[in-house]
Amino acid sequence: MANLKYKPVTHDHDEFLQKAGKRKGFKKAYEELEEEYALAKEMLAARARVGLSQEAVAEIMGTTKSAISRLEAVGKHAPSLTTLKKYAHAVGCHLEIKFVPEVPKA
């Protein structure tokens, strides 16, 4: 069985966004992928909470580390609900999907 514990790499996302926001075209590109970034952030946070490596999640899901890496990457592909459910289960969660009414723009 794979080593189930890992030490996460520290990452200051707000600092990253502040620096990246200065690059031409970044804000528009980031906004277009906002939901994907939110999903990736949730996935990484869930995996970090339980202290699992990508290898460990892959083993639990019956897939490869590279598949988990692609799953956690933004903009690479759109995972199926079945895959998201398996990932959620592997990190000790359940998948919850909501439709949130949009706020009218003033």
Protein backbone atom coordinates (compact mmCIF):
# COMPACT_ATOMS: atom_id res chain seq x y z
CA MET A 1 0.00 0.00 0.00
CA ALA A 2 1.21 3.52 -0.76
CA ASN A 3 2.48 5.82 1.96
CA LEU A 4 -0.75 7.53 3.03
CA LYS A 5 0.72 10.60 4.72
CA TYR A 6 2.42 13.54 3.12
CA LYS A 7 3.66 16.98 4.07
CA PRO A 8 1.88 19.62 1.99
CA VAL A 9 3.89 22.28 0.21
CA THR A 10 3.04 25.70 1.60
CA HIS A 11 1.30 27.99 -0.86
CA ASP A 12 -0.09 31.46 -0.25
CA HIS A 13 -2.88 31.58 -2.83
CA ASP A 14 -3.79 35.21 -2.12
CA GLU A 15 -0.18 36.26 -2.66
CA PHE A 16 -0.06 34.24 -5.87
CA LEU A 17 -3.24 35.93 -7.15
CA GLN A 18 -1.93 39.36 -6.25
CA LYS A 19 1.29 38.81 -8.22
CA ALA A 20 -0.37 37.01 -11.12
CA GLY A 21 -3.08 39.66 -11.35
CA LYS A 22 -0.48 42.10 -12.63
CA ARG A 23 0.09 40.02 -15.77
CA LYS A 24 -1.78 41.06 -18.90
CA GLY A 25 -4.88 38.94 -19.52
CA PHE A 26 -4.64 37.04 -16.23
CA LYS A 27 -7.78 38.48 -14.63
CA LYS A 28 -10.00 37.61 -17.60
CA ALA A 29 -8.55 34.11 -17.93
CA TYR A 30 -8.89 33.49 -14.19
CA GLU A 31 -12.49 34.69 -14.14
CA GLU A 32 -13.38 32.40 -17.05
CA LEU A 33 -12.16 29.41 -15.01
CA GLU A 34 -13.48 30.61 -11.64
CA GLU A 35 -15.62 27.54 -10.94
CA GLU A 36 -12.80 25.19 -11.94
CA TYR A 37 -10.38 26.97 -9.61
CA ALA A 38 -12.93 26.78 -6.78
CA LEU A 39 -13.35 23.04 -7.37
CA ALA A 40 -9.60 22.45 -7.46
CA LYS A 41 -9.17 24.44 -4.24
CA GLU A 42 -11.87 22.33 -2.54
CA MET A 43 -10.28 19.10 -3.75
CA LEU A 44 -6.80 20.06 -2.58
CA ALA A 45 -8.13 21.24 0.79
CA ALA A 46 -10.03 17.98 1.30
CA ARG A 47 -6.98 15.89 0.45
CA ALA A 48 -4.79 18.01 2.73
CA ARG A 49 -7.27 17.66 5.63
CA VAL A 50 -6.88 13.88 5.60
CA GLY A 51 -3.16 14.02 4.85
CA LEU A 52 -3.22 11.87 1.74
CA SER A 53 -0.77 12.03 -1.15
CA GLN A 54 -1.92 11.89 -4.76
CA GLU A 55 -0.51 8.37 -4.86
CA ALA A 56 -2.65 7.31 -1.90
CA VAL A 57 -5.82 8.82 -3.39
CA ALA A 58 -5.03 7.11 -6.69
CA GLU A 59 -4.64 3.76 -4.93
CA ILE A 60 -7.96 4.18 -3.10
CA MET A 61 -9.70 5.15 -6.35
CA GLY A 62 -8.02 2.39 -8.36
CA THR A 63 -6.27 4.78 -10.75
CA THR A 64 -2.87 6.40 -11.24
CA LYS A 65 -1.13 9.37 -9.64
CA SER A 66 -1.04 11.12 -13.02
CA ALA A 67 -4.83 10.77 -13.29
CA ILE A 68 -5.21 12.42 -9.87
CA SER A 69 -2.79 15.15 -10.90
CA ARG A 70 -4.90 15.86 -14.00
CA LEU A 71 -8.08 15.75 -11.92
CA GLU A 72 -6.72 18.37 -9.52
CA ALA A 73 -5.44 20.60 -12.33
CA VAL A 74 -7.52 23.51 -13.62
CA GLY A 75 -8.53 23.72 -17.24
CA LYS A 76 -7.18 20.31 -18.29
CA HIS A 77 -10.48 18.48 -18.56
CA ALA A 78 -13.95 18.25 -17.04
CA PRO A 79 -14.23 15.28 -14.67
CA SER A 80 -17.42 13.21 -14.58
CA LEU A 81 -19.71 13.16 -11.57
CA THR A 82 -18.74 9.53 -11.02
CA THR A 83 -15.06 10.49 -10.83
CA LEU A 84 -15.78 13.39 -8.46
CA LYS A 85 -17.82 11.07 -6.23
CA LYS A 86 -14.95 8.55 -6.13
CA TYR A 87 -12.46 11.32 -5.28
CA ALA A 88 -14.74 12.65 -2.54
CA HIS A 89 -15.08 9.17 -1.05
CA ALA A 90 -11.30 8.64 -1.22
CA VAL A 91 -10.70 11.80 0.84
CA GLY A 92 -13.43 11.03 3.37
CA CYS A 93 -16.10 13.35 1.97
CA HIS A 94 -19.33 13.23 0.04
CA LEU A 95 -19.99 15.27 -3.08
CA GLU A 96 -22.51 18.07 -2.82
CA ILE A 97 -23.60 20.04 -5.88
CA LYS A 98 -25.72 23.18 -5.71
CA PHE A 99 -27.38 25.54 -8.12
CA VAL A 100 -26.95 29.02 -6.70
CA PRO A 101 -29.16 31.79 -8.10
CA GLU A 102 -27.16 34.55 -9.74
CA VAL A 103 -27.34 38.01 -8.31
CA PRO A 104 -28.58 40.46 -10.93
CA LYS A 105 -25.87 42.85 -12.05
CA ALA A 106 -26.62 46.46 -11.24
